[in-house]
Amino acid sequence: MLNSFYDKFIYTSGLKYKDNNFTLINLPFMIVPVELMIALLRKDDPELGQLIYYSIKDSTEKHLLKQFDVDFGLGGEKALRFIEEFFSASGWGAINQVDLNFKKKQAIVSVQNSPFAFALKGQVKSETDHYLRGILAAAFSDLFKEKVECVETKCIALNANSCEFIIKPASELNFENPSTRRQIRID
């Protein structure tokens, strides 16, 4: 018994380990030590953070979301719920929607127990989870059918109780805030 999310796939033979690789249905994935994932985040460099964010966002939009749609037949809110469950069950922390406003194309997402933020606590001076920001921006852009950006506004690494992400169109972001300017390119 792994957890309730993966147990369903183990029971239905949807989770496989073949030729030294894991797949969930046809989605390849791997188990990675947190230290390897935070090596770049530890640099605490705004340009590098933006590079990671935009690269992950682009890859999620072009590849991961399409894979979810093809392999799982998911789109819209179902795809978003699957992403939340998949990443939560895969050890990224408990990901929860706090607020969702379709009309304004905005959302707030909270993450409890982020392994990245816990590992970097006291080692960085700015918000850290550029990977999850990119995934959330792509997932909500797909859901809202409009390009949105994601800014981390609270971070466990900076002594907050949880990590919090604000997702909305770039035109609605506050670029007067230095944290926003560190995380999002001003085009």
C-alpha atoms as a PDB file:
ATOM      1  CA  MET A   1       0.000   0.000   0.000  1.00  0.00           C
ATOM      2  CA  LEU A   2       1.591   3.255  -1.188  1.00  0.00           C
ATOM      3  CA  ASN A   3      -1.209   5.828  -0.833  1.00  0.00           C
ATOM      4  CA  SER A   4      -4.831   5.923  -1.917  1.00  0.00           C
ATOM      5  CA  PHE A   5      -4.031   7.684  -5.205  1.00  0.00           C
ATOM      6  CA  TYR A   6      -1.398   5.195  -6.366  1.00  0.00           C
ATOM      7  CA  ASP A   7      -3.155   2.190  -4.810  1.00  0.00           C
ATOM      8  CA  LYS A   8      -5.993   2.595  -7.353  1.00  0.00           C
ATOM      9  CA  PHE A   9      -3.488   2.350 -10.196  1.00  0.00           C
ATOM     10  CA  ILE A  10      -1.638  -0.579  -8.607  1.00  0.00           C
ATOM     11  CA  TYR A  11      -4.948  -2.436  -8.236  1.00  0.00           C
ATOM     12  CA  THR A  12      -5.913  -1.784 -11.876  1.00  0.00           C
ATOM     13  CA  SER A  13      -2.367  -2.444 -13.177  1.00  0.00           C
ATOM     14  CA  GLY A  14      -2.086   1.174 -14.333  1.00  0.00           C
ATOM     15  CA  LEU A  15       1.122   1.718 -12.361  1.00  0.00           C
ATOM     16  CA  LYS A  16       3.999  -0.266 -13.806  1.00  0.00           C
ATOM     17  CA  TYR A  17       7.705  -0.672 -13.255  1.00  0.00           C
ATOM     18  CA  LYS A  18       9.290  -2.073 -16.395  1.00  0.00           C
ATOM     19  CA  ASP A  19      12.831  -1.841 -17.771  1.00  0.00           C
ATOM     20  CA  ASN A  20      13.860   0.170 -14.690  1.00  0.00           C
ATOM     21  CA  ASN A  21      11.216   2.835 -15.392  1.00  0.00           C
ATOM     22  CA  PHE A  22       7.902   3.787 -13.746  1.00  0.00           C
ATOM     23  CA  THR A  23       4.794   4.594 -15.775  1.00  0.00           C
ATOM     24  CA  LEU A  24       1.340   5.657 -14.659  1.00  0.00           C
ATOM     25  CA  ILE A  25      -0.829   4.459 -17.547  1.00  0.00           C
ATOM     26  CA  ASN A  26       1.607   5.746 -20.248  1.00  0.00           C
ATOM     27  CA  LEU A  27       3.018   8.688 -18.289  1.00  0.00           C
ATOM     28  CA  PRO A  28       6.690   8.117 -17.428  1.00  0.00           C
ATOM     29  CA  PHE A  29       7.741   9.385 -14.008  1.00  0.00           C
ATOM     30  CA  MET A  30      10.501   8.793 -11.484  1.00  0.00           C
ATOM     31  CA  ILE A  31      11.130   9.017  -7.791  1.00  0.00           C
ATOM     32  CA  VAL A  32      13.796  11.637  -7.105  1.00  0.00           C
ATOM     33  CA  PRO A  33      15.487  12.711  -3.869  1.00  0.00           C
ATOM     34  CA  VAL A  34      14.388  16.239  -2.920  1.00  0.00           C
ATOM     35  CA  GLU A  35      18.021  17.356  -2.689  1.00  0.00           C
ATOM     36  CA  LEU A  36      18.454  16.892  -6.442  1.00  0.00           C
ATOM     37  CA  MET A  37      15.354  18.988  -7.157  1.00  0.00           C
ATOM     38  CA  ILE A  38      16.386  21.858  -4.876  1.00  0.00           C
ATOM     39  CA  ALA A  39      19.989  22.182  -6.031  1.00  0.00           C
ATOM     40  CA  LEU A  40      18.973  24.886  -8.542  1.00  0.00           C
ATOM     41  CA  LEU A  41      16.443  26.487  -6.187  1.00  0.00           C
ATOM     42  CA  ARG A  42      19.133  26.910  -3.528  1.00  0.00           C
ATOM     43  CA  LYS A  43      20.919  29.377  -5.855  1.00  0.00           C
ATOM     44  CA  ASP A  44      18.160  31.899  -4.974  1.00  0.00           C
ATOM     45  CA  ASP A  45      18.800  33.689  -8.298  1.00  0.00           C
ATOM     46  CA  PRO A  46      15.825  35.576  -9.827  1.00  0.00           C
ATOM     47  CA  GLU A  47      16.944  34.995 -13.438  1.00  0.00           C
ATOM     48  CA  LEU A  48      17.439  31.286 -12.817  1.00  0.00           C
ATOM     49  CA  GLY A  49      14.073  31.122 -11.014  1.00  0.00           C
ATOM     50  CA  GLN A  50      12.353  32.709 -14.003  1.00  0.00           C
ATOM     51  CA  LEU A  51      14.145  30.336 -16.382  1.00  0.00           C
ATOM     52  CA  ILE A  52      12.969  27.315 -14.357  1.00  0.00           C
ATOM     53  CA  TYR A  53       9.411  28.730 -14.103  1.00  0.00           C
ATOM     54  CA  TYR A  54       8.986  29.495 -17.801  1.00  0.00           C
ATOM     55  CA  SER A  55      10.632  26.216 -18.873  1.00  0.00           C
ATOM     56  CA  ILE A  56       8.355  24.144 -16.610  1.00  0.00           C
ATOM     57  CA  LYS A  57       5.295  26.158 -17.654  1.00  0.00           C
ATOM     58  CA  ASP A  58       6.092  25.640 -21.348  1.00  0.00           C
ATOM     59  CA  SER A  59       6.771  21.910 -20.937  1.00  0.00           C
ATOM     60  CA  THR A  60       3.612  21.416 -18.876  1.00  0.00           C
ATOM     61  CA  GLU A  61       1.518  23.221 -21.519  1.00  0.00           C
ATOM     62  CA  LYS A  62       3.071  21.494 -24.540  1.00  0.00           C
ATOM     63  CA  HIS A  63       3.597  18.007 -23.188  1.00  0.00           C
ATOM     64  CA  LEU A  64       2.256  17.085 -19.742  1.00  0.00           C
ATOM     65  CA  LEU A  65      -1.289  18.438 -20.141  1.00  0.00           C
ATOM     66  CA  LYS A  66      -1.561  16.832 -23.575  1.00  0.00           C
ATOM     67  CA  GLN A  67      -0.370  13.525 -22.091  1.00  0.00           C
ATOM     68  CA  PHE A  68      -2.997  13.769 -19.330  1.00  0.00           C
ATOM     69  CA  ASP A  69      -5.671  14.412 -21.948  1.00  0.00           C
ATOM     70  CA  VAL A  70      -4.569  11.535 -24.204  1.00  0.00           C
ATOM     71  CA  ASP A  71      -3.893   8.939 -21.504  1.00  0.00           C
ATOM     72  CA  PHE A  72      -6.549   9.861 -18.971  1.00  0.00           C
ATOM     73  CA  GLY A  73      -9.145  11.675 -21.102  1.00  0.00           C
ATOM     74  CA  LEU A  74      -8.962  14.630 -18.754  1.00  0.00           C
ATOM     75  CA  GLY A  75      -9.480  18.285 -19.467  1.00  0.00           C
ATOM     76  CA  GLY A  76     -10.679  21.373 -17.612  1.00  0.00           C
ATOM     77  CA  GLU A  77     -11.490  20.985 -13.920  1.00  0.00           C
ATOM     78  CA  LYS A  78     -10.973  17.203 -14.008  1.00  0.00           C
ATOM     79  CA  ALA A  79      -7.431  17.689 -15.314  1.00  0.00           C
ATOM     80  CA  LEU A  80      -6.760  20.289 -12.632  1.00  0.00           C
ATOM     81  CA  ARG A  81      -8.007  17.954  -9.872  1.00  0.00           C
ATOM     82  CA  PHE A  82      -5.899  15.129 -11.305  1.00  0.00           C
ATOM     83  CA  ILE A  83      -2.796  17.362 -11.304  1.00  0.00           C
ATOM     84  CA  GLU A  84      -3.449  18.342  -7.674  1.00  0.00           C
ATOM     85  CA  GLU A  85      -3.926  14.690  -6.676  1.00  0.00           C
ATOM     86  CA  PHE A  86      -0.988  13.405  -8.734  1.00  0.00           C
ATOM     87  CA  PHE A  87       1.522  15.920  -7.364  1.00  0.00           C
ATOM     88  CA  SER A  88       0.174  15.708  -3.797  1.00  0.00           C
ATOM     89  CA  ALA A  89       0.358  11.889  -3.867  1.00  0.00           C
ATOM     90  CA  SER A  90       3.840  12.086  -5.394  1.00  0.00           C
ATOM     91  CA  GLY A  91       5.264  13.933  -2.388  1.00  0.00           C
ATOM     92  CA  TRP A  92       5.074  17.596  -3.470  1.00  0.00           C
ATOM     93  CA  GLY A  93       3.046  18.527  -0.362  1.00  0.00           C
ATOM     94  CA  ALA A  94      -0.720  18.824   0.106  1.00  0.00           C
ATOM     95  CA  ILE A  95      -1.934  21.012  -2.770  1.00  0.00           C
ATOM     96  CA  ASN A  96      -5.333  22.658  -2.229  1.00  0.00           C
ATOM     97  CA  GLN A  97      -7.363  25.291  -4.026  1.00  0.00           C
ATOM     98  CA  VAL A  98      -8.239  28.077  -1.608  1.00  0.00           C
ATOM     99  CA  ASP A  99     -10.136  30.231  -4.082  1.00  0.00           C
ATOM    100  CA  LEU A 100     -11.170  29.817  -7.709  1.00  0.00           C
ATOM    101  CA  ASN A 101     -12.794  32.645  -9.682  1.00  0.00           C
ATOM    102  CA  PHE A 102     -13.600  31.713 -13.292  1.00  0.00           C
ATOM    103  CA  LYS A 103     -14.993  35.153 -14.096  1.00  0.00           C
ATOM    104  CA  LYS A 104     -11.770  36.963 -13.122  1.00  0.00           C
ATOM    105  CA  LYS A 105      -9.597  34.016 -14.233  1.00  0.00           C
ATOM    106  CA  GLN A 106      -7.888  33.941 -10.859  1.00  0.00           C
ATOM    107  CA  ALA A 107      -7.057  31.320  -8.262  1.00  0.00           C
ATOM    108  CA  ILE A 108      -5.267  30.953  -4.964  1.00  0.00           C
ATOM    109  CA  VAL A 109      -3.581  27.645  -4.206  1.00  0.00           C
ATOM    110  CA  SER A 110      -2.079  26.621  -0.878  1.00  0.00           C
ATOM    111  CA  VAL A 111       0.577  23.960  -0.329  1.00  0.00           C
ATOM    112  CA  GLN A 112       1.131  22.411   3.069  1.00  0.00           C
ATOM    113  CA  ASN A 113       4.348  20.517   3.797  1.00  0.00           C
ATOM    114  CA  SER A 114       6.265  21.482   0.632  1.00  0.00           C
ATOM    115  CA  PRO A 115       9.435  19.364   0.644  1.00  0.00           C
ATOM    116  CA  PHE A 116      11.267  22.058  -1.358  1.00  0.00           C
ATOM    117  CA  ALA A 117      10.404  24.851   1.064  1.00  0.00           C
ATOM    118  CA  PHE A 118      11.178  22.748   4.161  1.00  0.00           C
ATOM    119  CA  ALA A 119      14.569  21.756   2.745  1.00  0.00           C
ATOM    120  CA  LEU A 120      15.417  25.391   1.940  1.00  0.00           C
ATOM    121  CA  LYS A 121      14.137  26.937   5.178  1.00  0.00           C
ATOM    122  CA  GLY A 122      16.623  29.556   6.348  1.00  0.00           C
ATOM    123  CA  GLN A 123      18.796  29.120   3.227  1.00  0.00           C
ATOM    124  CA  VAL A 124      17.023  31.481   0.803  1.00  0.00           C
ATOM    125  CA  LYS A 125      15.789  35.063   0.855  1.00  0.00           C
ATOM    126  CA  SER A 126      12.936  34.752  -1.640  1.00  0.00           C
ATOM    127  CA  GLU A 127      10.116  32.392  -2.583  1.00  0.00           C
ATOM    128  CA  THR A 128      11.442  29.103  -3.905  1.00  0.00           C
ATOM    129  CA  ASP A 129       9.028  26.809  -5.723  1.00  0.00           C
ATOM    130  CA  HIS A 130       9.475  27.741  -9.365  1.00  0.00           C
ATOM    131  CA  TYR A 131       8.648  24.170 -10.437  1.00  0.00           C
ATOM    132  CA  LEU A 132       5.171  24.199  -8.926  1.00  0.00           C
ATOM    133  CA  ARG A 133       4.571  27.794 -10.064  1.00  0.00           C
ATOM    134  CA  GLY A 134       5.162  26.698 -13.660  1.00  0.00           C
ATOM    135  CA  ILE A 135       2.898  23.665 -13.330  1.00  0.00           C
ATOM    136  CA  LEU A 136       0.105  25.741 -11.757  1.00  0.00           C
ATOM    137  CA  ALA A 137       0.390  28.532 -14.343  1.00  0.00           C
ATOM    138  CA  ALA A 138       0.079  26.034 -17.194  1.00  0.00           C
ATOM    139  CA  ALA A 139      -2.766  24.083 -15.578  1.00  0.00           C
ATOM    140  CA  PHE A 140      -4.815  27.192 -14.836  1.00  0.00           C
ATOM    141  CA  SER A 141      -4.064  28.710 -18.268  1.00  0.00           C
ATOM    142  CA  ASP A 142      -5.571  25.535 -19.712  1.00  0.00           C
ATOM    143  CA  LEU A 143      -8.542  25.690 -17.340  1.00  0.00           C
ATOM    144  CA  PHE A 144      -9.252  29.393 -17.925  1.00  0.00           C
ATOM    145  CA  LYS A 145      -8.483  29.211 -21.668  1.00  0.00           C
ATOM    146  CA  GLU A 146      -6.325  32.311 -21.179  1.00  0.00           C
ATOM    147  CA  LYS A 147      -2.657  32.814 -20.387  1.00  0.00           C
ATOM    148  CA  VAL A 148      -2.118  33.361 -16.658  1.00  0.00           C
ATOM    149  CA  GLU A 149       0.962  33.669 -14.477  1.00  0.00           C
ATOM    150  CA  CYS A 150       1.668  32.333 -10.996  1.00  0.00           C
ATOM    151  CA  VAL A 151       3.384  34.164  -8.149  1.00  0.00           C
ATOM    152  CA  GLU A 152       4.324  32.572  -4.836  1.00  0.00           C
ATOM    153  CA  THR A 153       3.259  35.026  -2.128  1.00  0.00           C
ATOM    154  CA  LYS A 154       3.975  32.968   1.006  1.00  0.00           C
ATOM    155  CA  CYS A 155       6.707  30.393   1.470  1.00  0.00           C
ATOM    156  CA  ILE A 156       7.571  27.967   4.244  1.00  0.00           C
ATOM    157  CA  ALA A 157      11.253  28.575   3.413  1.00  0.00           C
ATOM    158  CA  LEU A 158      10.637  32.174   4.533  1.00  0.00           C
ATOM    159  CA  ASN A 159       8.917  31.058   7.777  1.00  0.00           C
ATOM    160  CA  ALA A 160       5.295  31.090   6.573  1.00  0.00           C
ATOM    161  CA  ASN A 161       2.993  28.283   7.800  1.00  0.00           C
ATOM    162  CA  SER A 162       2.293  27.189   4.229  1.00  0.00           C
ATOM    163  CA  CYS A 163       3.187  28.162   0.687  1.00  0.00           C
ATOM    164  CA  GLU A 164       0.611  30.211  -1.206  1.00  0.00           C
ATOM    165  CA  PHE A 165       0.357  30.835  -4.930  1.00  0.00           C
ATOM    166  CA  ILE A 166      -1.677  33.517  -6.705  1.00  0.00           C
ATOM    167  CA  ILE A 167      -2.644  32.701 -10.291  1.00  0.00           C
ATOM    168  CA  LYS A 168      -4.046  35.412 -12.583  1.00  0.00           C
ATOM    169  CA  PRO A 169      -3.433  37.221 -15.879  1.00  0.00           C
ATOM    170  CA  ALA A 170      -0.132  39.143 -15.907  1.00  0.00           C
ATOM    171  CA  SER A 171      -2.021  42.407 -16.403  1.00  0.00           C
ATOM    172  CA  GLU A 172      -3.623  41.869 -12.971  1.00  0.00           C
ATOM    173  CA  LEU A 173      -0.357  41.283 -11.113  1.00  0.00           C
ATOM    174  CA  ASN A 174       1.198  43.975  -8.923  1.00  0.00           C
ATOM    175  CA  PHE A 175       4.574  44.664 -10.528  1.00  0.00           C
ATOM    176  CA  GLU A 176       5.229  47.362  -7.897  1.00  0.00           C
ATOM    177  CA  ASN A 177       5.898  44.430  -5.567  1.00  0.00           C
ATOM    178  CA  PRO A 178       9.589  43.383  -5.760  1.00  0.00           C
ATOM    179  CA  SER A 179       8.609  39.740  -5.178  1.00  0.00           C
ATOM    180  CA  THR A 180       6.408  39.787  -8.297  1.00  0.00           C
ATOM    181  CA  ARG A 181       9.217  41.348 -10.367  1.00  0.00           C
ATOM    182  CA  ARG A 182      11.653  38.651  -9.149  1.00  0.00           C
ATOM    183  CA  GLN A 183       9.276  35.880 -10.221  1.00  0.00           C
ATOM    184  CA  ILE A 184       7.631  37.143 -13.449  1.00  0.00           C
ATOM    185  CA  ARG A 185       9.150  38.815 -16.512  1.00  0.00           C
ATOM    186  CA  ILE A 186       7.796  42.234 -17.320  1.00  0.00           C
ATOM    187  CA  ASP A 187       7.054  42.089 -21.052  1.00  0.00           C
END
